[in-house]
């Protein structure tokens, strides 16, 4: 009988994070535990954050990106991440 590992959600909120977001997501992807999903909510960044995220998503199918229509702040972003998470 095969033991299936539980799905773990890595959640990221972004706002003008172009200088750090690639390193943060790459770090999550490089962990030994591989049954993960990576959720990202962009809170209306005005820099290249979304472009960076889209490139990463093309390469890694475990990434799901959501973009807020207007800036809502960290509390609303975290609540959205919790609602979208499928993992433990």
N, C-alpha and C. Protein backbone atom coordinates (compact mmCIF):
# COMPACT_ATOMS: atom_id res chain seq x y z
N UNK A 1 0.84 -1.18 0.00
CA UNK A 1 0.00 0.00 0.00
C UNK A 1 0.89 1.25 0.00
N UNK A 2 0.61 2.15 -0.89
CA UNK A 2 1.41 3.36 -1.04
C UNK A 2 0.92 4.44 -0.07
N UNK A 3 1.86 5.05 0.64
CA UNK A 3 1.53 6.11 1.59
C UNK A 3 1.59 7.46 0.87
N UNK A 4 0.46 8.14 0.75
CA UNK A 4 0.42 9.43 0.07
C UNK A 4 0.65 10.54 1.08
N UNK A 5 1.57 11.42 0.74
CA UNK A 5 1.88 12.55 1.61
C UNK A 5 0.78 13.60 1.50
N UNK A 6 0.43 14.26 2.60
CA UNK A 6 -0.60 15.30 2.54
C UNK A 6 -0.12 16.51 1.74
N UNK A 7 -1.07 17.18 1.12
CA UNK A 7 -0.77 18.40 0.38
C UNK A 7 -0.54 19.54 1.36
N UNK A 8 0.54 20.26 1.15
CA UNK A 8 0.88 21.41 1.97
C UNK A 8 0.77 22.66 1.11
N UNK A 9 0.15 23.70 1.65
CA UNK A 9 0.01 24.97 0.95
C UNK A 9 1.05 25.96 1.44
N UNK A 10 1.78 26.53 0.50
CA UNK A 10 2.70 27.65 0.78
C UNK A 10 2.00 28.90 0.26
N UNK A 11 1.73 29.84 1.12
CA UNK A 11 0.95 31.03 0.74
C UNK A 11 1.81 32.28 0.79
N UNK A 12 1.71 33.08 -0.28
CA UNK A 12 2.47 34.31 -0.38
C UNK A 12 1.54 35.47 -0.71
N UNK A 13 1.71 36.56 0.00
CA UNK A 13 1.05 37.81 -0.37
C UNK A 13 2.12 38.70 -0.98
N UNK A 14 1.77 39.40 -2.06
CA UNK A 14 2.77 40.26 -2.70
C UNK A 14 2.21 41.65 -2.94
N UNK A 15 3.10 42.61 -2.80
CA UNK A 15 2.83 44.00 -3.18
C UNK A 15 4.18 44.64 -3.47
N UNK A 16 4.42 44.91 -4.73
CA UNK A 16 5.70 45.48 -5.17
C UNK A 16 6.88 44.67 -4.62
N UNK A 17 6.86 43.38 -4.88
CA UNK A 17 7.85 42.45 -4.34
C UNK A 17 8.83 41.95 -5.40
N UNK A 18 9.02 42.69 -6.46
CA UNK A 18 9.83 42.20 -7.58
C UNK A 18 11.27 41.87 -7.19
N UNK A 19 11.80 42.50 -6.16
CA UNK A 19 13.18 42.26 -5.76
C UNK A 19 13.35 40.97 -4.95
N UNK A 20 12.28 40.46 -4.37
CA UNK A 20 12.42 39.32 -3.46
C UNK A 20 11.55 38.11 -3.79
N UNK A 21 10.52 38.26 -4.59
CA UNK A 21 9.53 37.20 -4.75
C UNK A 21 10.10 35.95 -5.43
N UNK A 22 10.95 36.11 -6.41
CA UNK A 22 11.51 34.93 -7.09
C UNK A 22 12.31 34.08 -6.11
N UNK A 23 13.12 34.72 -5.29
CA UNK A 23 13.93 33.99 -4.31
C UNK A 23 13.05 33.27 -3.29
N UNK A 24 11.98 33.93 -2.85
CA UNK A 24 11.08 33.33 -1.86
C UNK A 24 10.37 32.09 -2.43
N UNK A 25 9.87 32.21 -3.65
CA UNK A 25 9.15 31.08 -4.25
C UNK A 25 10.13 29.95 -4.59
N UNK A 26 11.29 30.29 -5.11
CA UNK A 26 12.30 29.28 -5.41
C UNK A 26 12.69 28.51 -4.16
N UNK A 27 12.79 29.21 -3.05
CA UNK A 27 13.10 28.56 -1.78
C UNK A 27 12.03 27.53 -1.41
N UNK A 28 10.77 27.89 -1.58
CA UNK A 28 9.68 26.95 -1.28
C UNK A 28 9.73 25.75 -2.22
N UNK A 29 10.03 25.99 -3.49
CA UNK A 29 10.09 24.91 -4.47
C UNK A 29 11.27 23.96 -4.23
N UNK A 30 12.33 24.45 -3.63
CA UNK A 30 13.54 23.65 -3.43
C UNK A 30 13.54 22.82 -2.16
N UNK A 31 12.45 22.82 -1.43
CA UNK A 31 12.37 22.01 -0.21
C UNK A 31 12.31 20.53 -0.58
N UNK A 32 12.66 19.67 0.35
CA UNK A 32 12.61 18.23 0.12
C UNK A 32 11.18 17.72 -0.04
N UNK A 33 10.26 18.33 0.67
CA UNK A 33 8.86 17.92 0.61
C UNK A 33 8.29 18.41 -0.71
N UNK A 34 7.73 17.53 -1.52
CA UNK A 34 7.34 17.90 -2.88
C UNK A 34 5.84 17.96 -3.13
N UNK A 35 5.02 17.50 -2.21
CA UNK A 35 3.57 17.55 -2.44
C UNK A 35 3.04 18.89 -1.92
N UNK A 36 3.32 19.94 -2.70
CA UNK A 36 2.95 21.30 -2.28
C UNK A 36 2.16 22.02 -3.37
N UNK A 37 1.42 23.01 -2.94
CA UNK A 37 0.85 24.00 -3.85
C UNK A 37 1.36 25.35 -3.36
N UNK A 38 1.60 26.24 -4.30
CA UNK A 38 2.05 27.58 -3.96
C UNK A 38 1.00 28.56 -4.42
N UNK A 39 0.40 29.24 -3.45
CA UNK A 39 -0.63 30.24 -3.74
C UNK A 39 -0.05 31.62 -3.55
N UNK A 40 -0.37 32.51 -4.47
CA UNK A 40 0.11 33.88 -4.40
C UNK A 40 -1.06 34.81 -4.69
N UNK A 41 -1.27 35.77 -3.82
CA UNK A 41 -2.23 36.84 -4.09
C UNK A 41 -1.43 38.13 -4.23
N UNK A 42 -1.52 38.73 -5.40
CA UNK A 42 -0.88 40.01 -5.64
C UNK A 42 -1.87 41.12 -5.34
N UNK A 43 -1.49 42.02 -4.46
CA UNK A 43 -2.38 43.09 -4.00
C UNK A 43 -2.12 44.38 -4.78
N UNK A 44 -2.23 44.26 -6.12
CA UNK A 44 -2.13 45.41 -7.04
C UNK A 44 -0.72 46.01 -7.09
N UNK A 45 0.27 45.16 -7.26
CA UNK A 45 1.64 45.66 -7.40
C UNK A 45 1.75 46.58 -8.60
N UNK A 46 2.64 47.55 -8.47
CA UNK A 46 2.88 48.51 -9.55
C UNK A 46 4.24 48.29 -10.21
N UNK A 47 4.97 47.28 -9.77
CA UNK A 47 6.27 46.98 -10.36
C UNK A 47 6.15 45.71 -11.22
N UNK A 48 7.23 44.98 -11.39
CA UNK A 48 7.24 43.79 -12.25
C UNK A 48 6.88 42.50 -11.52
N UNK A 49 6.33 42.58 -10.35
CA UNK A 49 6.02 41.39 -9.57
C UNK A 49 5.17 40.40 -10.36
N UNK A 50 4.10 40.86 -10.96
CA UNK A 50 3.19 39.96 -11.68
C UNK A 50 3.88 39.29 -12.86
N UNK A 51 4.72 39.99 -13.58
CA UNK A 51 5.46 39.40 -14.71
C UNK A 51 6.38 38.28 -14.22
N UNK A 52 7.04 38.52 -13.11
CA UNK A 52 7.92 37.51 -12.53
C UNK A 52 7.11 36.27 -12.14
N UNK A 53 5.97 36.50 -11.51
CA UNK A 53 5.11 35.40 -11.10
C UNK A 53 4.60 34.59 -12.28
N UNK A 54 4.21 35.26 -13.34
CA UNK A 54 3.70 34.57 -14.53
C UNK A 54 4.79 33.68 -15.15
N UNK A 55 6.03 34.16 -15.17
CA UNK A 55 7.13 33.35 -15.70
C UNK A 55 7.36 32.12 -14.83
N UNK A 56 7.31 32.30 -13.52
CA UNK A 56 7.48 31.16 -12.62
C UNK A 56 6.34 30.16 -12.79
N UNK A 57 5.14 30.65 -12.98
CA UNK A 57 3.97 29.77 -13.14
C UNK A 57 4.09 28.91 -14.40
N UNK A 58 4.66 29.47 -15.46
CA UNK A 58 4.86 28.70 -16.70
C UNK A 58 5.77 27.50 -16.45
N UNK A 59 6.74 27.66 -15.60
CA UNK A 59 7.72 26.61 -15.33
C UNK A 59 7.26 25.62 -14.26
N UNK A 60 6.47 26.10 -13.30
CA UNK A 60 6.06 25.27 -12.16
C UNK A 60 4.54 25.24 -12.04
N UNK A 61 3.92 24.13 -12.42
CA UNK A 61 2.45 24.05 -12.40
C UNK A 61 1.82 24.05 -11.00
N UNK A 62 2.62 23.93 -9.96
CA UNK A 62 2.07 23.95 -8.59
C UNK A 62 1.73 25.37 -8.13
N UNK A 63 2.08 26.36 -8.95
CA UNK A 63 1.84 27.76 -8.60
C UNK A 63 0.48 28.21 -9.12
N UNK A 64 -0.28 28.85 -8.22
CA UNK A 64 -1.55 29.50 -8.60
C UNK A 64 -1.48 30.95 -8.17
N UNK A 65 -1.82 31.84 -9.11
CA UNK A 65 -1.71 33.28 -8.87
C UNK A 65 -3.10 33.91 -8.92
N UNK A 66 -3.36 34.78 -7.97
CA UNK A 66 -4.60 35.57 -7.94
C UNK A 66 -4.21 37.03 -7.81
N UNK A 67 -4.91 37.89 -8.52
CA UNK A 67 -4.62 39.32 -8.47
C UNK A 67 -5.86 40.06 -7.99
N UNK A 68 -5.69 40.86 -6.97
CA UNK A 68 -6.79 41.69 -6.50
C UNK A 68 -7.08 42.80 -7.50
N UNK A 69 -8.35 43.15 -7.63
CA UNK A 69 -8.74 44.25 -8.53
C UNK A 69 -8.40 45.61 -7.95
N UNK A 70 -8.37 45.68 -6.62
CA UNK A 70 -7.93 46.90 -5.95
C UNK A 70 -7.14 46.49 -4.72
N UNK A 71 -6.30 47.38 -4.23
CA UNK A 71 -5.48 47.10 -3.08
C UNK A 71 -6.36 46.94 -1.85
N UNK A 72 -6.27 45.77 -1.20
CA UNK A 72 -7.13 45.46 -0.06
C UNK A 72 -6.39 45.38 1.27
N UNK A 73 -5.07 45.29 1.22
CA UNK A 73 -4.30 45.19 2.46
C UNK A 73 -4.07 43.75 2.86
N UNK A 74 -3.15 43.57 3.79
CA UNK A 74 -2.68 42.24 4.16
C UNK A 74 -3.76 41.36 4.79
N UNK A 75 -4.65 41.91 5.58
CA UNK A 75 -5.69 41.10 6.22
C UNK A 75 -6.60 40.44 5.19
N UNK A 76 -7.07 41.21 4.23
CA UNK A 76 -7.95 40.67 3.19
C UNK A 76 -7.20 39.68 2.31
N UNK A 77 -5.93 39.96 2.05
CA UNK A 77 -5.13 39.04 1.23
C UNK A 77 -4.97 37.70 1.95
N UNK A 78 -4.67 37.74 3.22
CA UNK A 78 -4.52 36.48 3.98
C UNK A 78 -5.82 35.70 4.02
N UNK A 79 -6.93 36.37 4.19
CA UNK A 79 -8.22 35.68 4.18
C UNK A 79 -8.48 35.02 2.83
N UNK A 80 -8.11 35.70 1.76
CA UNK A 80 -8.29 35.12 0.42
C UNK A 80 -7.39 33.89 0.25
N UNK A 81 -6.18 33.97 0.72
CA UNK A 81 -5.27 32.83 0.65
C UNK A 81 -5.82 31.61 1.39
N UNK A 82 -6.37 31.86 2.56
CA UNK A 82 -6.94 30.77 3.36
C UNK A 82 -8.10 30.11 2.62
N UNK A 83 -8.95 30.92 1.99
CA UNK A 83 -10.10 30.37 1.25
C UNK A 83 -9.68 29.56 0.03
N UNK A 84 -8.57 29.94 -0.60
CA UNK A 84 -8.12 29.26 -1.82
C UNK A 84 -7.28 28.02 -1.55
N UNK A 85 -6.74 27.91 -0.35
CA UNK A 85 -5.84 26.81 -0.02
C UNK A 85 -6.55 25.45 -0.06
N UNK A 86 -5.90 24.48 -0.68
CA UNK A 86 -6.42 23.12 -0.72
C UNK A 86 -5.65 22.21 0.24
N UNK A 87 -4.47 22.64 0.65
CA UNK A 87 -3.62 21.81 1.50
C UNK A 87 -3.90 22.01 2.98
N UNK A 88 -3.05 21.37 3.76
CA UNK A 88 -3.19 21.42 5.21
C UNK A 88 -2.44 22.60 5.81
